[in-house]
Amino acid sequence: MTTRATGTRHRKPKRTAVLAAASTLVAGGLAFTGVQAMAASTPHANASSGVNLTDAHKKEIAMELVSSAENSSLDWKAQYKYIEDIGDGRGYTAGIIGFCSGTGDMLELVQAYTDTKPGNILAKYLPALRKDNGTASHSGLGTAFVNDWRTAAKDTVFQTAQNNERDRVYFNPAVQQAEADGLRALGQFIYYDAIVMHGPGDDPTSFGGIRKTAMKKARTPAQGGNETTYLNAFLDARKAAMLTEAAHDDTSRVDTEQRVFLKAGNLDLNPPLTWKTYGDSYTIKN
């Protein structure tokens, strides 16, 4: 496969504050939040004929696809140390999935890291992260925090914490909802990429709102609809949501990536895969 090692984040995900996405539903005696609640309330369709995105190899493909758009590189593991303020009003953007100091998920990450490893190099910033949450402020953070983040990124415990929070907040809920909607690996990835960029909320430009818009146009496979027809409706709704924010005026991660796979009928997201994001070409051979 080909990679670009620039690590440049072309477009920052538009994130609804993760901590605010706390609508709950109790199903089967278990409490779910956000997207997990939707998945729990939707009849499960046994429509998958291929391997789900939870398969280790398919999950690796998903991580590389997202990284091509987020970091101009397929080497997503090189992004543990990534951190910068890209001027989007969400404070620092950092790590493998773009955790933000202004949207709650960075705070949750550092708290999870500290729960596992008390006294780590980032633990002392928890008060500042709580204070700065919901703002673009760097108060109590600054250069020292940036340097300490990069140091922490060498710690396998912190790397594991990043992986776990990515899965807990984004990957697992997206895949669970896609499975419940009867979608195969491509649809599962389409949901995952959407929740990474738009957040797990229910407003019109968050993942939940995009899904609701799509379901007004087409039925999910779980509802007896055609999978390709529904995914086209979802991508239409997602593109419209992207275009509401100037930072997302380049919709190539939909147009020249996900649409390419969908038009090819590759609903199981099987390699080889060739696509473009922001004009750059990538290939995953196997």
C-alpha atoms as a PDB file:
ATOM      1  CA  MET A   1       0.000   0.000   0.000  1.00  0.00           C
ATOM      2  CA  THR A   2       1.053   3.593  -0.485  1.00  0.00           C
ATOM      3  CA  THR A   3       1.334   6.110   2.284  1.00  0.00           C
ATOM      4  CA  ARG A   4       2.050   9.759   2.739  1.00  0.00           C
ATOM      5  CA  ALA A   5       3.832  10.595   5.959  1.00  0.00           C
ATOM      6  CA  THR A   6       3.004  14.273   6.158  1.00  0.00           C
ATOM      7  CA  GLY A   7       0.679  13.922   9.135  1.00  0.00           C
ATOM      8  CA  THR A   8      -1.100  17.143   8.082  1.00  0.00           C
ATOM      9  CA  ARG A   9      -4.681  17.355   9.284  1.00  0.00           C
ATOM     10  CA  HIS A  10      -6.553  18.798   6.321  1.00  0.00           C
ATOM     11  CA  ARG A  11      -9.949  19.146   7.974  1.00  0.00           C
ATOM     12  CA  LYS A  12     -10.857  19.080  11.622  1.00  0.00           C
ATOM     13  CA  PRO A  13     -13.815  16.866  12.548  1.00  0.00           C
ATOM     14  CA  LYS A  14     -16.887  18.906  13.470  1.00  0.00           C
ATOM     15  CA  ARG A  15     -17.549  17.559  16.923  1.00  0.00           C
ATOM     16  CA  THR A  16     -20.576  18.055  19.084  1.00  0.00           C
ATOM     17  CA  ALA A  17     -19.322  17.974  22.656  1.00  0.00           C
ATOM     18  CA  VAL A  18     -19.067  14.313  23.588  1.00  0.00           C
ATOM     19  CA  LEU A  19     -20.007  14.936  27.182  1.00  0.00           C
ATOM     20  CA  ALA A  20     -23.264  16.514  26.039  1.00  0.00           C
ATOM     21  CA  ALA A  21     -24.334  13.461  24.039  1.00  0.00           C
ATOM     22  CA  ALA A  22     -25.720  11.666  27.054  1.00  0.00           C
ATOM     23  CA  SER A  23     -29.294  10.729  26.168  1.00  0.00           C
ATOM     24  CA  THR A  24     -29.842   7.273  27.644  1.00  0.00           C
ATOM     25  CA  LEU A  25     -32.009   4.278  26.998  1.00  0.00           C
ATOM     26  CA  VAL A  26     -32.293   1.148  29.100  1.00  0.00           C
ATOM     27  CA  ALA A  27     -32.609  -1.971  26.981  1.00  0.00           C
ATOM     28  CA  GLY A  28     -32.300  -5.531  28.223  1.00  0.00           C
ATOM     29  CA  GLY A  29     -31.258  -4.261  31.630  1.00  0.00           C
ATOM     30  CA  LEU A  30     -28.251  -2.366  30.272  1.00  0.00           C
ATOM     31  CA  ALA A  31     -27.822   1.398  30.031  1.00  0.00           C
ATOM     32  CA  PHE A  32     -26.708   2.812  26.690  1.00  0.00           C
ATOM     33  CA  THR A  33     -25.785   6.355  25.716  1.00  0.00           C
ATOM     34  CA  GLY A  34     -25.883   8.301  22.462  1.00  0.00           C
ATOM     35  CA  VAL A  35     -25.530   6.101  19.388  1.00  0.00           C
ATOM     36  CA  GLN A  36     -25.482   2.932  21.483  1.00  0.00           C
ATOM     37  CA  ALA A  37     -29.017   3.715  22.544  1.00  0.00           C
ATOM     38  CA  MET A  38     -30.142   3.901  18.926  1.00  0.00           C
ATOM     39  CA  ALA A  39     -28.512   0.567  18.163  1.00  0.00           C
ATOM     40  CA  ALA A  40     -30.164  -1.055  21.162  1.00  0.00           C
ATOM     41  CA  SER A  41     -33.596   0.162  20.092  1.00  0.00           C
ATOM     42  CA  THR A  42     -33.306  -0.972  16.453  1.00  0.00           C
ATOM     43  CA  PRO A  43     -34.163  -4.566  15.418  1.00  0.00           C
ATOM     44  CA  HIS A  44     -30.985  -6.407  14.488  1.00  0.00           C
ATOM     45  CA  ALA A  45     -30.846  -7.570  10.895  1.00  0.00           C
ATOM     46  CA  ASN A  46     -28.752 -10.586  10.003  1.00  0.00           C
ATOM     47  CA  ALA A  47     -27.868  -9.109   6.625  1.00  0.00           C
ATOM     48  CA  SER A  48     -24.087  -9.328   6.761  1.00  0.00           C
ATOM     49  CA  SER A  49     -22.725 -11.936   4.378  1.00  0.00           C
ATOM     50  CA  GLY A  50     -19.108 -10.852   4.724  1.00  0.00           C
ATOM     51  CA  VAL A  51     -16.741 -10.025   7.572  1.00  0.00           C
ATOM     52  CA  ASN A  52     -17.750  -7.205   9.898  1.00  0.00           C
ATOM     53  CA  LEU A  53     -15.567  -4.197  10.611  1.00  0.00           C
ATOM     54  CA  THR A  54     -14.783  -5.688  14.018  1.00  0.00           C
ATOM     55  CA  ASP A  55     -12.563  -8.245  12.270  1.00  0.00           C
ATOM     56  CA  ALA A  56      -8.968  -7.249  13.025  1.00  0.00           C
ATOM     57  CA  HIS A  57      -7.962  -6.875   9.369  1.00  0.00           C
ATOM     58  CA  LYS A  58     -11.108  -4.957   8.414  1.00  0.00           C
ATOM     59  CA  LYS A  59     -10.693  -2.682  11.428  1.00  0.00           C
ATOM     60  CA  GLU A  60      -7.127  -1.916  10.350  1.00  0.00           C
ATOM     61  CA  ILE A  61      -8.455  -0.961   6.916  1.00  0.00           C
ATOM     62  CA  ALA A  62     -10.988   1.369   8.556  1.00  0.00           C
ATOM     63  CA  MET A  63      -8.282   3.039  10.626  1.00  0.00           C
ATOM     64  CA  GLU A  64      -6.152   3.609   7.518  1.00  0.00           C
ATOM     65  CA  LEU A  65      -9.080   5.003   5.536  1.00  0.00           C
ATOM     66  CA  VAL A  66      -9.916   7.529   8.254  1.00  0.00           C
ATOM     67  CA  SER A  67      -6.258   8.455   8.662  1.00  0.00           C
ATOM     68  CA  SER A  68      -5.944   9.186   4.943  1.00  0.00           C
ATOM     69  CA  ALA A  69      -8.536  11.936   5.367  1.00  0.00           C
ATOM     70  CA  GLU A  70      -7.573  13.099   8.844  1.00  0.00           C
ATOM     71  CA  ASN A  71      -3.790  12.981   8.550  1.00  0.00           C
ATOM     72  CA  SER A  72      -2.836  12.545   4.868  1.00  0.00           C
ATOM     73  CA  SER A  73      -1.278   9.232   5.811  1.00  0.00           C
ATOM     74  CA  LEU A  74      -2.291   5.595   6.169  1.00  0.00           C
ATOM     75  CA  ASP A  75       0.037   5.296   9.156  1.00  0.00           C
ATOM     76  CA  TRP A  76      -2.574   5.986  11.833  1.00  0.00           C
ATOM     77  CA  LYS A  77      -0.324   4.702  14.624  1.00  0.00           C
ATOM     78  CA  ALA A  78       2.062   7.592  13.966  1.00  0.00           C
ATOM     79  CA  GLN A  79      -0.685   9.951  15.162  1.00  0.00           C
ATOM     80  CA  TYR A  80      -0.627   9.135  18.896  1.00  0.00           C
ATOM     81  CA  LYS A  81       1.763  12.070  19.302  1.00  0.00           C
ATOM     82  CA  TYR A  82      -0.111  14.467  17.011  1.00  0.00           C
ATOM     83  CA  ILE A  83      -1.308  17.694  18.692  1.00  0.00           C
ATOM     84  CA  GLU A  84      -2.013  21.229  17.476  1.00  0.00           C
ATOM     85  CA  ASP A  85      -4.575  23.988  17.545  1.00  0.00           C
ATOM     86  CA  ILE A  86      -5.842  24.242  13.986  1.00  0.00           C
ATOM     87  CA  GLY A  87      -7.884  27.369  14.686  1.00  0.00           C
ATOM     88  CA  ASP A  88     -11.326  25.792  14.536  1.00  0.00           C
ATOM     89  CA  GLY A  89     -12.519  27.019  17.930  1.00  0.00           C
ATOM     90  CA  ARG A  90     -12.189  23.595  19.553  1.00  0.00           C
ATOM     91  CA  GLY A  91      -8.877  24.120  21.317  1.00  0.00           C
ATOM     92  CA  TYR A  92      -6.219  21.477  20.788  1.00  0.00           C
ATOM     93  CA  THR A  93      -6.820  18.614  18.377  1.00  0.00           C
ATOM     94  CA  ALA A  94      -4.719  15.571  19.176  1.00  0.00           C
ATOM     95  CA  GLY A  95      -4.142  11.859  18.877  1.00  0.00           C
ATOM     96  CA  ILE A  96      -5.342   9.113  16.585  1.00  0.00           C
ATOM     97  CA  ILE A  97      -8.915  10.352  16.235  1.00  0.00           C
ATOM     98  CA  GLY A  98      -8.631  14.077  16.860  1.00  0.00           C
ATOM     99  CA  PHE A  99      -9.500  14.291  20.551  1.00  0.00           C
ATOM    100  CA  CYS A 100     -10.253  17.946  21.340  1.00  0.00           C
ATOM    101  CA  SER A 101      -9.692  19.973  24.479  1.00  0.00           C
ATOM    102  CA  GLY A 102     -12.837  21.950  23.727  1.00  0.00           C
ATOM    103  CA  THR A 103     -15.274  19.091  23.093  1.00  0.00           C
ATOM    104  CA  GLY A 104     -14.913  16.776  26.065  1.00  0.00           C
ATOM    105  CA  ASP A 105     -13.306  13.731  24.500  1.00  0.00           C
ATOM    106  CA  MET A 106      -9.748  14.829  25.325  1.00  0.00           C
ATOM    107  CA  LEU A 107     -10.758  15.315  28.954  1.00  0.00           C
ATOM    108  CA  GLU A 108     -12.307  11.841  29.017  1.00  0.00           C
ATOM    109  CA  LEU A 109      -9.167  10.376  27.440  1.00  0.00           C
ATOM    110  CA  VAL A 110      -6.766  11.927  29.951  1.00  0.00           C
ATOM    111  CA  GLN A 111      -9.079  10.899  32.792  1.00  0.00           C
ATOM    112  CA  ALA A 112      -9.140   7.310  31.510  1.00  0.00           C
ATOM    113  CA  TYR A 113      -5.335   7.342  31.205  1.00  0.00           C
ATOM    114  CA  THR A 114      -5.057   8.637  34.763  1.00  0.00           C
ATOM    115  CA  ASP A 115      -7.503   6.054  36.096  1.00  0.00           C
ATOM    116  CA  THR A 116      -5.248   3.365  34.659  1.00  0.00           C
ATOM    117  CA  LYS A 117      -1.938   5.053  35.468  1.00  0.00           C
ATOM    118  CA  PRO A 118      -2.224   7.575  38.319  1.00  0.00           C
ATOM    119  CA  GLY A 119       0.456  10.234  38.378  1.00  0.00           C
ATOM    120  CA  ASN A 120       1.127  10.099  34.654  1.00  0.00           C
ATOM    121  CA  ILE A 121       2.646  13.119  32.927  1.00  0.00           C
ATOM    122  CA  LEU A 122      -0.757  14.441  31.773  1.00  0.00           C
ATOM    123  CA  ALA A 123      -2.678  13.960  35.027  1.00  0.00           C
ATOM    124  CA  LYS A 124      -1.735  17.404  36.322  1.00  0.00           C
ATOM    125  CA  TYR A 125      -3.628  19.003  33.412  1.00  0.00           C
ATOM    126  CA  LEU A 126      -7.017  17.548  34.343  1.00  0.00           C
ATOM    127  CA  PRO A 127      -8.182  20.712  36.174  1.00  0.00           C
ATOM    128  CA  ALA A 128      -7.256  22.857  33.163  1.00  0.00           C
ATOM    129  CA  LEU A 129      -8.960  20.451  30.747  1.00  0.00           C
ATOM    130  CA  ARG A 130     -12.132  20.617  32.837  1.00  0.00           C
ATOM    131  CA  LYS A 131     -11.986  24.413  32.858  1.00  0.00           C
ATOM    132  CA  ASP A 132     -11.269  24.698  29.132  1.00  0.00           C
ATOM    133  CA  ASN A 133     -13.868  22.140  28.057  1.00  0.00           C
ATOM    134  CA  GLY A 134     -16.458  23.729  25.786  1.00  0.00           C
ATOM    135  CA  THR A 135     -14.121  26.563  24.793  1.00  0.00           C
ATOM    136  CA  ALA A 136     -11.153  27.271  22.527  1.00  0.00           C
ATOM    137  CA  SER A 137      -9.027  28.273  25.524  1.00  0.00           C
ATOM    138  CA  HIS A 138      -5.511  26.999  26.225  1.00  0.00           C
ATOM    139  CA  SER A 139      -5.591  28.268  29.788  1.00  0.00           C
ATOM    140  CA  GLY A 140      -3.432  26.037  31.971  1.00  0.00           C
ATOM    141  CA  LEU A 141      -2.238  24.038  28.959  1.00  0.00           C
ATOM    142  CA  GLY A 142       0.035  25.716  26.384  1.00  0.00           C
ATOM    143  CA  THR A 143       3.469  24.617  25.290  1.00  0.00           C
ATOM    144  CA  ALA A 144       4.097  22.509  28.393  1.00  0.00           C
ATOM    145  CA  PHE A 145       0.966  20.470  27.710  1.00  0.00           C
ATOM    146  CA  VAL A 146       1.878  20.002  24.038  1.00  0.00           C
ATOM    147  CA  ASN A 147       5.351  18.752  24.963  1.00  0.00           C
ATOM    148  CA  ASP A 148       3.998  16.463  27.672  1.00  0.00           C
ATOM    149  CA  TRP A 149       1.388  15.042  25.285  1.00  0.00           C
ATOM    150  CA  ARG A 150       4.158  14.077  22.877  1.00  0.00           C
ATOM    151  CA  THR A 151       6.079  12.480  25.720  1.00  0.00           C
ATOM    152  CA  ALA A 152       3.001  10.588  26.906  1.00  0.00           C
ATOM    153  CA  ALA A 153       2.438   9.310  23.366  1.00  0.00           C
ATOM    154  CA  LYS A 154       5.538   7.120  23.759  1.00  0.00           C
ATOM    155  CA  ASP A 155       3.834   5.337  26.668  1.00  0.00           C
ATOM    156  CA  THR A 156       2.021   2.174  25.567  1.00  0.00           C
ATOM    157  CA  VAL A 157      -0.483   2.731  28.375  1.00  0.00           C
ATOM    158  CA  PHE A 158      -1.462   6.065  26.817  1.00  0.00           C
ATOM    159  CA  GLN A 159      -1.594   4.517  23.365  1.00  0.00           C
ATOM    160  CA  THR A 160      -3.940   1.863  24.706  1.00  0.00           C
ATOM    161  CA  ALA A 161      -6.068   4.557  26.345  1.00  0.00           C
ATOM    162  CA  GLN A 162      -6.371   6.346  22.983  1.00  0.00           C
ATOM    163  CA  ASN A 163      -7.387   3.090  21.289  1.00  0.00           C
ATOM    164  CA  ASN A 164      -9.942   2.313  23.981  1.00  0.00           C
ATOM    165  CA  GLU A 165     -11.545   5.769  23.937  1.00  0.00           C
ATOM    166  CA  ARG A 166     -11.688   5.744  20.131  1.00  0.00           C
ATOM    167  CA  ASP A 167     -13.516   2.437  20.298  1.00  0.00           C
ATOM    168  CA  ARG A 168     -15.790   3.364  23.184  1.00  0.00           C
ATOM    169  CA  VAL A 169     -16.943   6.730  21.878  1.00  0.00           C
ATOM    170  CA  TYR A 170     -16.764   6.303  18.110  1.00  0.00           C
ATOM    171  CA  PHE A 171     -15.944   2.917  16.601  1.00  0.00           C
ATOM    172  CA  ASN A 172     -18.059   0.524  18.664  1.00  0.00           C
ATOM    173  CA  PRO A 173     -21.252   2.638  18.699  1.00  0.00           C
ATOM    174  CA  ALA A 174     -20.998   3.268  14.948  1.00  0.00           C
ATOM    175  CA  VAL A 175     -20.478  -0.391  14.084  1.00  0.00           C
ATOM    176  CA  GLN A 176     -23.207  -1.528  16.476  1.00  0.00           C
ATOM    177  CA  GLN A 177     -25.699   0.880  14.914  1.00  0.00           C
ATOM    178  CA  ALA A 178     -24.689  -0.158  11.401  1.00  0.00           C
ATOM    179  CA  GLU A 179     -25.108  -3.825  12.266  1.00  0.00           C
ATOM    180  CA  ALA A 180     -28.521  -3.080  13.741  1.00  0.00           C
ATOM    181  CA  ASP A 181     -29.428  -1.303  10.495  1.00  0.00           C
ATOM    182  CA  GLY A 182     -28.405  -4.390   8.517  1.00  0.00           C
ATOM    183  CA  LEU A 183     -25.300  -2.855   6.957  1.00  0.00           C
ATOM    184  CA  ARG A 184     -22.190  -4.731   5.927  1.00  0.00           C
ATOM    185  CA  ALA A 185     -18.582  -3.617   6.368  1.00  0.00           C
ATOM    186  CA  LEU A 186     -18.750  -0.662   3.962  1.00  0.00           C
ATOM    187  CA  GLY A 187     -21.841   0.729   5.667  1.00  0.00           C
ATOM    188  CA  GLN A 188     -20.221   0.169   9.044  1.00  0.00           C
ATOM    189  CA  PHE A 189     -17.222   2.186   7.888  1.00  0.00           C
ATOM    190  CA  ILE A 190     -19.434   4.921   6.431  1.00  0.00           C
ATOM    191  CA  TYR A 191     -21.119   5.274   9.829  1.00  0.00           C
ATOM    192  CA  TYR A 192     -17.768   5.281  11.629  1.00  0.00           C
ATOM    193  CA  ASP A 193     -16.250   7.962   9.419  1.00  0.00           C
ATOM    194  CA  ALA A 194     -19.367  10.073   9.892  1.00  0.00           C
ATOM    195  CA  ILE A 195     -19.328   9.851  13.675  1.00  0.00           C
ATOM    196  CA  VAL A 196     -15.615  10.722  13.700  1.00  0.00           C
ATOM    197  CA  MET A 197     -16.246  13.934  11.794  1.00  0.00           C
ATOM    198  CA  HIS A 198     -19.691  14.959  13.011  1.00  0.00           C
ATOM    199  CA  GLY A 199     -19.893  13.588  16.543  1.00  0.00           C
ATOM    200  CA  PRO A 200     -22.429  11.254  18.156  1.00  0.00           C
ATOM    201  CA  GLY A 201     -25.182  13.780  18.809  1.00  0.00           C
ATOM    202  CA  ASP A 202     -28.743  14.019  17.486  1.00  0.00           C
ATOM    203  CA  ASP A 203     -28.761  17.542  16.007  1.00  0.00           C
ATOM    204  CA  PRO A 204     -29.128  17.789  12.203  1.00  0.00           C
ATOM    205  CA  THR A 205     -25.382  17.943  11.511  1.00  0.00           C
ATOM    206  CA  SER A 206     -24.347  15.218  13.974  1.00  0.00           C
ATOM    207  CA  PHE A 207     -24.357  11.501  13.226  1.00  0.00           C
ATOM    208  CA  GLY A 208     -27.793  10.832  14.681  1.00  0.00           C
ATOM    209  CA  GLY A 209     -29.357  13.667  12.731  1.00  0.00           C
ATOM    210  CA  ILE A 210     -27.692  12.605   9.485  1.00  0.00           C
ATOM    211  CA  ARG A 211     -29.019   9.072   9.948  1.00  0.00           C
ATOM    212  CA  LYS A 212     -32.536  10.354  10.616  1.00  0.00           C
ATOM    213  CA  THR A 213     -32.416  12.476   7.457  1.00  0.00           C
ATOM    214  CA  ALA A 214     -31.293   9.472   5.413  1.00  0.00           C
ATOM    215  CA  MET A 215     -34.065   7.288   6.849  1.00  0.00           C
ATOM    216  CA  LYS A 216     -36.646   9.795   5.633  1.00  0.00           C
ATOM    217  CA  LYS A 217     -35.393   9.162   2.093  1.00  0.00           C
ATOM    218  CA  ALA A 218     -34.719   5.420   2.163  1.00  0.00           C
ATOM    219  CA  ARG A 219     -35.323   2.385   4.335  1.00  0.00           C
ATOM    220  CA  THR A 220     -32.408   0.598   5.970  1.00  0.00           C
ATOM    221  CA  PRO A 221     -31.851  -3.070   5.095  1.00  0.00           C
ATOM    222  CA  ALA A 222     -33.214  -3.891   8.557  1.00  0.00           C
ATOM    223  CA  GLN A 223     -36.441  -2.207   7.466  1.00  0.00           C
ATOM    224  CA  GLY A 224     -36.504  -4.148   4.215  1.00  0.00           C
ATOM    225  CA  GLY A 225     -34.756  -1.520   2.108  1.00  0.00           C
ATOM    226  CA  ASN A 226     -31.983  -1.843  -0.443  1.00  0.00           C
ATOM    227  CA  GLU A 227     -28.531  -1.439   1.121  1.00  0.00           C
ATOM    228  CA  THR A 228     -27.014   0.573  -1.729  1.00  0.00           C
ATOM    229  CA  THR A 229     -30.036   2.868  -1.984  1.00  0.00           C
ATOM    230  CA  TYR A 230     -29.950   3.569   1.740  1.00  0.00           C
ATOM    231  CA  LEU A 231     -26.188   4.212   1.822  1.00  0.00           C
ATOM    232  CA  ASN A 232     -26.513   6.654  -1.075  1.00  0.00           C
ATOM    233  CA  ALA A 233     -29.206   8.479   0.915  1.00  0.00           C
ATOM    234  CA  PHE A 234     -26.944   8.519   3.978  1.00  0.00           C
ATOM    235  CA  LEU A 235     -24.008   9.916   1.991  1.00  0.00           C
ATOM    236  CA  ASP A 236     -26.288  12.551   0.463  1.00  0.00           C
ATOM    237  CA  ALA A 237     -27.370  13.608   3.956  1.00  0.00           C
ATOM    238  CA  ARG A 238     -23.820  13.581   5.233  1.00  0.00           C
ATOM    239  CA  LYS A 239     -22.537  15.684   2.355  1.00  0.00           C
ATOM    240  CA  ALA A 240     -25.275  18.239   3.006  1.00  0.00           C
ATOM    241  CA  ALA A 241     -24.248  18.339   6.675  1.00  0.00           C
ATOM    242  CA  MET A 242     -20.595  18.836   5.734  1.00  0.00           C
ATOM    243  CA  LEU A 243     -21.434  21.760   3.497  1.00  0.00           C
ATOM    244  CA  THR A 244     -23.021  23.664   6.375  1.00  0.00           C
ATOM    245  CA  GLU A 245     -19.512  24.393   7.674  1.00  0.00           C
ATOM    246  CA  ALA A 246     -16.858  26.122   5.580  1.00  0.00           C
ATOM    247  CA  ALA A 247     -14.116  23.862   6.934  1.00  0.00           C
ATOM    248  CA  HIS A 248     -15.811  20.910   5.239  1.00  0.00           C
ATOM    249  CA  ASP A 249     -16.349  22.401   1.789  1.00  0.00           C
ATOM    250  CA  ASP A 250     -14.065  19.695   0.376  1.00  0.00           C
ATOM    251  CA  THR A 251     -16.264  16.587   0.472  1.00  0.00           C
ATOM    252  CA  SER A 252     -13.789  14.258  -1.213  1.00  0.00           C
ATOM    253  CA  ARG A 253     -13.812  11.736   1.644  1.00  0.00           C
ATOM    254  CA  VAL A 254     -17.396  11.092   0.535  1.00  0.00           C
ATOM    255  CA  ASP A 255     -17.147  11.781  -3.215  1.00  0.00           C
ATOM    256  CA  THR A 256     -13.851  10.127  -4.167  1.00  0.00           C
ATOM    257  CA  GLU A 257     -13.569   7.602  -1.359  1.00  0.00           C
ATOM    258  CA  GLN A 258     -16.816   6.171   0.001  1.00  0.00           C
ATOM    259  CA  ARG A 259     -18.865   6.733  -3.176  1.00  0.00           C
ATOM    260  CA  VAL A 260     -16.162   4.952  -5.167  1.00  0.00           C
ATOM    261  CA  PHE A 261     -16.489   1.827  -3.049  1.00  0.00           C
ATOM    262  CA  LEU A 262     -20.282   2.020  -3.081  1.00  0.00           C
ATOM    263  CA  LYS A 263     -20.511   2.457  -6.867  1.00  0.00           C
ATOM    264  CA  ALA A 264     -18.221  -0.548  -7.271  1.00  0.00           C
ATOM    265  CA  GLY A 265     -20.664  -2.609  -5.202  1.00  0.00           C
ATOM    266  CA  ASN A 266     -17.941  -3.353  -2.658  1.00  0.00           C
ATOM    267  CA  LEU A 267     -20.338  -3.605   0.284  1.00  0.00           C
ATOM    268  CA  ASP A 268     -17.951  -5.896   2.161  1.00  0.00           C
ATOM    269  CA  LEU A 269     -15.095  -3.366   1.837  1.00  0.00           C
ATOM    270  CA  ASN A 270     -12.724  -5.932   0.415  1.00  0.00           C
ATOM    271  CA  PRO A 271      -9.276  -4.882  -0.820  1.00  0.00           C
ATOM    272  CA  PRO A 272      -7.722  -3.937  -3.106  1.00  0.00           C
ATOM    273  CA  LEU A 273      -9.038  -0.438  -2.432  1.00  0.00           C
ATOM    274  CA  THR A 274      -8.002   2.680  -4.340  1.00  0.00           C
ATOM    275  CA  TRP A 275      -9.322   6.144  -3.532  1.00  0.00           C
ATOM    276  CA  LYS A 276      -8.527   9.850  -3.205  1.00  0.00           C
ATOM    277  CA  THR A 277      -8.945  12.302  -0.349  1.00  0.00           C
ATOM    278  CA  TYR A 278      -8.182  15.990  -0.825  1.00  0.00           C
ATOM    279  CA  GLY A 279      -6.604  15.144  -4.179  1.00  0.00           C
ATOM    280  CA  ASP A 280      -4.122  12.597  -2.788  1.00  0.00           C
ATOM    281  CA  SER A 281      -4.255   8.994  -4.041  1.00  0.00           C
ATOM    282  CA  TYR A 282      -4.049   5.919  -1.806  1.00  0.00           C
ATOM    283  CA  THR A 283      -4.177   2.167  -2.256  1.00  0.00           C
ATOM    284  CA  ILE A 284      -4.618  -0.713   0.148  1.00  0.00           C
ATOM    285  CA  LYS A 285      -3.607  -3.814  -1.774  1.00  0.00           C
ATOM    286  CA  ASN A 286      -4.656  -6.513   0.658  1.00  0.00           C
END
